[in-house]
Amino acid sequence: MLDRIDIHLEVVPVPFKKLSEQVATEPSTDIRERVIKAREIQSHRFAKSDGVFCNAQMSSKMIRQHVDLDEASSSLLKNAMEKLGLSARAYDRILKVSRTIADLEGNDRVESHHLSEAIQYRSLDRENWGG
């Protein structure tokens, strides 16, 4: 069942010390602008694709067209697949999320740090989560 969800994370309580720190964070308005720009990128990307408006709707074939991994990224994904025992469905979902992370950065290419972040969002695929 979890295989069908793109992003899943374990959320643990935040210690009071962390909550009370005075650290500058990115304003919501800036985040909103990045999301709007990423959605515009995706809208242009899929302008000629019937019924596809965002990365989450990509077919496996479309993923291969829009996510071109370099050798280091391919190796990283291969290792994650093997060590975490991920399924083919998880593989596609990681690539879709990676594409979205790159879009949020305004990057045309999916790079290894985008892929690493997307792999981290599969936390419930890992054994021994929760402690």
C-alpha atoms as a PDB file:
ATOM      1  CA  MET A   1       0.000   0.000   0.000  1.00  0.00           C
ATOM      2  CA  LEU A   2       2.783   2.469   0.878  1.00  0.00           C
ATOM      3  CA  ASP A   3       4.229   1.830  -2.577  1.00  0.00           C
ATOM      4  CA  ARG A   4       1.404   3.889  -4.065  1.00  0.00           C
ATOM      5  CA  ILE A   5       2.278   7.035  -2.092  1.00  0.00           C
ATOM      6  CA  ASP A   6       4.940   9.337  -3.568  1.00  0.00           C
ATOM      7  CA  ILE A   7       6.287  10.822  -0.343  1.00  0.00           C
ATOM      8  CA  HIS A   8       6.151   9.332   3.113  1.00  0.00           C
ATOM      9  CA  LEU A   9       8.076  10.366   6.169  1.00  0.00           C
ATOM     10  CA  GLU A  10       8.194   9.444   9.782  1.00  0.00           C
ATOM     11  CA  VAL A  11       7.447  12.521  11.880  1.00  0.00           C
ATOM     12  CA  VAL A  12       9.011  12.495  15.314  1.00  0.00           C
ATOM     13  CA  PRO A  13       8.395  15.032  18.098  1.00  0.00           C
ATOM     14  CA  VAL A  14      10.623  18.102  17.941  1.00  0.00           C
ATOM     15  CA  PRO A  15      12.516  18.805  21.185  1.00  0.00           C
ATOM     16  CA  PHE A  16      11.654  22.083  22.944  1.00  0.00           C
ATOM     17  CA  LYS A  17      15.197  23.374  22.472  1.00  0.00           C
ATOM     18  CA  LYS A  18      14.798  23.091  18.690  1.00  0.00           C
ATOM     19  CA  LEU A  19      11.363  24.703  18.761  1.00  0.00           C
ATOM     20  CA  SER A  20      12.579  27.669  20.776  1.00  0.00           C
ATOM     21  CA  GLU A  21      15.630  28.442  18.612  1.00  0.00           C
ATOM     22  CA  GLN A  22      15.564  31.797  16.830  1.00  0.00           C
ATOM     23  CA  VAL A  23      16.593  30.672  13.363  1.00  0.00           C
ATOM     24  CA  ALA A  24      15.697  32.562  10.204  1.00  0.00           C
ATOM     25  CA  THR A  25      13.487  30.499   7.915  1.00  0.00           C
ATOM     26  CA  GLU A  26      12.311  30.913   4.349  1.00  0.00           C
ATOM     27  CA  PRO A  27       9.110  32.991   4.245  1.00  0.00           C
ATOM     28  CA  SER A  28       5.964  31.245   3.024  1.00  0.00           C
ATOM     29  CA  THR A  29       5.605  33.823   0.251  1.00  0.00           C
ATOM     30  CA  ASP A  30       8.994  32.774  -1.172  1.00  0.00           C
ATOM     31  CA  ILE A  31       8.042  29.109  -1.002  1.00  0.00           C
ATOM     32  CA  ARG A  32       4.741  29.874  -2.721  1.00  0.00           C
ATOM     33  CA  GLU A  33       6.584  31.623  -5.563  1.00  0.00           C
ATOM     34  CA  ARG A  34       8.911  28.639  -6.043  1.00  0.00           C
ATOM     35  CA  VAL A  35       5.928  26.291  -6.200  1.00  0.00           C
ATOM     36  CA  ILE A  36       4.128  28.507  -8.722  1.00  0.00           C
ATOM     37  CA  LYS A  37       7.253  28.620 -10.911  1.00  0.00           C
ATOM     38  CA  ALA A  38       7.690  24.839 -10.670  1.00  0.00           C
ATOM     39  CA  ARG A  39       4.057  24.309 -11.691  1.00  0.00           C
ATOM     40  CA  GLU A  40       4.578  26.659 -14.667  1.00  0.00           C
ATOM     41  CA  ILE A  41       7.642  24.647 -15.713  1.00  0.00           C
ATOM     42  CA  GLN A  42       5.572  21.463 -15.543  1.00  0.00           C
ATOM     43  CA  SER A  43       2.692  23.062 -17.400  1.00  0.00           C
ATOM     44  CA  HIS A  44       5.042  23.932 -20.275  1.00  0.00           C
ATOM     45  CA  ARG A  45       6.687  20.515 -20.149  1.00  0.00           C
ATOM     46  CA  PHE A  46       3.371  18.721 -20.570  1.00  0.00           C
ATOM     47  CA  ALA A  47       1.584  21.263 -22.804  1.00  0.00           C
ATOM     48  CA  LYS A  48       1.327  18.693 -25.621  1.00  0.00           C
ATOM     49  CA  SER A  49       0.457  15.744 -23.381  1.00  0.00           C
ATOM     50  CA  ASP A  50      -3.253  15.035 -23.033  1.00  0.00           C
ATOM     51  CA  GLY A  51      -4.325  14.640 -19.431  1.00  0.00           C
ATOM     52  CA  VAL A  52      -0.863  15.207 -17.965  1.00  0.00           C
ATOM     53  CA  PHE A  53      -0.331  18.456 -16.093  1.00  0.00           C
ATOM     54  CA  CYS A  54       2.347  17.686 -13.514  1.00  0.00           C
ATOM     55  CA  ASN A  55       5.223  15.328 -12.779  1.00  0.00           C
ATOM     56  CA  ALA A  56       3.099  13.071 -10.582  1.00  0.00           C
ATOM     57  CA  GLN A  57       1.037  12.115 -13.639  1.00  0.00           C
ATOM     58  CA  MET A  58       3.982  11.017 -15.785  1.00  0.00           C
ATOM     59  CA  SER A  59       3.951   7.520 -17.230  1.00  0.00           C
ATOM     60  CA  SER A  60       7.088   5.380 -17.060  1.00  0.00           C
ATOM     61  CA  LYS A  61       7.857   6.350 -20.655  1.00  0.00           C
ATOM     62  CA  MET A  62       7.516  10.049 -19.839  1.00  0.00           C
ATOM     63  CA  ILE A  63       9.754   9.673 -16.814  1.00  0.00           C
ATOM     64  CA  ARG A  64      12.503   8.317 -19.083  1.00  0.00           C
ATOM     65  CA  GLN A  65      12.055  11.335 -21.379  1.00  0.00           C
ATOM     66  CA  HIS A  66      12.168  13.970 -18.647  1.00  0.00           C
ATOM     67  CA  VAL A  67      14.591  12.456 -16.141  1.00  0.00           C
ATOM     68  CA  ASP A  68      18.005  11.827 -17.650  1.00  0.00           C
ATOM     69  CA  LEU A  69      20.321  10.601 -14.896  1.00  0.00           C
ATOM     70  CA  ASP A  70      24.084  10.853 -15.107  1.00  0.00           C
ATOM     71  CA  GLU A  71      26.240   7.880 -14.145  1.00  0.00           C
ATOM     72  CA  ALA A  72      26.671   8.951 -10.509  1.00  0.00           C
ATOM     73  CA  SER A  73      22.920   9.437 -10.071  1.00  0.00           C
ATOM     74  CA  SER A  74      22.149   6.095 -11.696  1.00  0.00           C
ATOM     75  CA  SER A  75      24.590   4.412  -9.344  1.00  0.00           C
ATOM     76  CA  LEU A  76      23.063   6.178  -6.339  1.00  0.00           C
ATOM     77  CA  LEU A  77      19.573   5.039  -7.311  1.00  0.00           C
ATOM     78  CA  LYS A  78      20.748   1.487  -8.007  1.00  0.00           C
ATOM     79  CA  ASN A  79      22.342   1.303  -4.542  1.00  0.00           C
ATOM     80  CA  ALA A  80      19.211   2.674  -2.876  1.00  0.00           C
ATOM     81  CA  MET A  81      17.026   0.188  -4.732  1.00  0.00           C
ATOM     82  CA  GLU A  82      19.207  -2.733  -3.667  1.00  0.00           C
ATOM     83  CA  LYS A  83      19.887  -1.678  -0.061  1.00  0.00           C
ATOM     84  CA  LEU A  84      16.334  -0.585   0.694  1.00  0.00           C
ATOM     85  CA  GLY A  85      14.681  -3.337  -1.319  1.00  0.00           C
ATOM     86  CA  LEU A  86      12.545  -0.855  -3.238  1.00  0.00           C
ATOM     87  CA  SER A  87      10.002  -1.887  -5.855  1.00  0.00           C
ATOM     88  CA  ALA A  88       9.690  -0.797  -9.483  1.00  0.00           C
ATOM     89  CA  ARG A  89       6.798   1.433  -8.417  1.00  0.00           C
ATOM     90  CA  ALA A  90       9.019   3.100  -5.791  1.00  0.00           C
ATOM     91  CA  TYR A  91      11.689   3.576  -8.485  1.00  0.00           C
ATOM     92  CA  ASP A  92       9.272   5.556 -10.663  1.00  0.00           C
ATOM     93  CA  ARG A  93       7.993   7.562  -7.716  1.00  0.00           C
ATOM     94  CA  ILE A  94      11.526   8.521  -6.686  1.00  0.00           C
ATOM     95  CA  LEU A  95      12.229   9.747 -10.216  1.00  0.00           C
ATOM     96  CA  LYS A  96       9.008  11.789 -10.305  1.00  0.00           C
ATOM     97  CA  VAL A  97       9.765  13.405  -6.953  1.00  0.00           C
ATOM     98  CA  SER A  98      13.369  14.058  -8.060  1.00  0.00           C
ATOM     99  CA  ARG A  99      12.063  15.823 -11.167  1.00  0.00           C
ATOM    100  CA  THR A 100       9.813  17.981  -8.977  1.00  0.00           C
ATOM    101  CA  ILE A 101      12.653  18.864  -6.602  1.00  0.00           C
ATOM    102  CA  ALA A 102      14.756  19.940  -9.589  1.00  0.00           C
ATOM    103  CA  ASP A 103      11.818  22.013 -10.876  1.00  0.00           C
ATOM    104  CA  LEU A 104      11.506  23.734  -7.491  1.00  0.00           C
ATOM    105  CA  GLU A 105      15.166  24.736  -7.852  1.00  0.00           C
ATOM    106  CA  GLY A 106      14.577  25.847 -11.433  1.00  0.00           C
ATOM    107  CA  ASN A 107      17.037  23.208 -12.641  1.00  0.00           C
ATOM    108  CA  ASP A 108      16.569  21.602 -16.074  1.00  0.00           C
ATOM    109  CA  ARG A 109      18.443  18.450 -15.033  1.00  0.00           C
ATOM    110  CA  VAL A 110      17.799  16.055 -12.199  1.00  0.00           C
ATOM    111  CA  GLU A 111      21.067  15.895 -10.277  1.00  0.00           C
ATOM    112  CA  SER A 112      22.263  13.508  -7.612  1.00  0.00           C
ATOM    113  CA  HIS A 113      21.268  15.807  -4.725  1.00  0.00           C
ATOM    114  CA  HIS A 114      17.695  15.928  -6.081  1.00  0.00           C
ATOM    115  CA  LEU A 115      17.696  12.157  -6.235  1.00  0.00           C
ATOM    116  CA  SER A 116      19.157  11.836  -2.724  1.00  0.00           C
ATOM    117  CA  GLU A 117      16.427  14.049  -1.319  1.00  0.00           C
ATOM    118  CA  ALA A 118      13.721  12.049  -3.099  1.00  0.00           C
ATOM    119  CA  ILE A 119      15.152   8.787  -1.765  1.00  0.00           C
ATOM    120  CA  GLN A 120      14.976  10.210   1.764  1.00  0.00           C
ATOM    121  CA  TYR A 121      11.246  10.766   1.231  1.00  0.00           C
ATOM    122  CA  ARG A 122      10.804   6.988   1.034  1.00  0.00           C
ATOM    123  CA  SER A 123      11.490   6.574   4.756  1.00  0.00           C
ATOM    124  CA  LEU A 124       8.656   4.132   5.351  1.00  0.00           C
ATOM    125  CA  ASP A 125      10.192   1.768   2.800  1.00  0.00           C
ATOM    126  CA  ARG A 126      13.117   1.286   5.165  1.00  0.00           C
ATOM    127  CA  GLU A 127      13.300  -1.454   7.731  1.00  0.00           C
ATOM    128  CA  ASN A 128      13.365  -0.471  11.404  1.00  0.00           C
ATOM    129  CA  TRP A 129      11.806   2.955  10.960  1.00  0.00           C
ATOM    130  CA  GLY A 130      10.484   4.454  14.134  1.00  0.00           C
ATOM    131  CA  GLY A 131      13.526   4.246  16.218  1.00  0.00           C
END
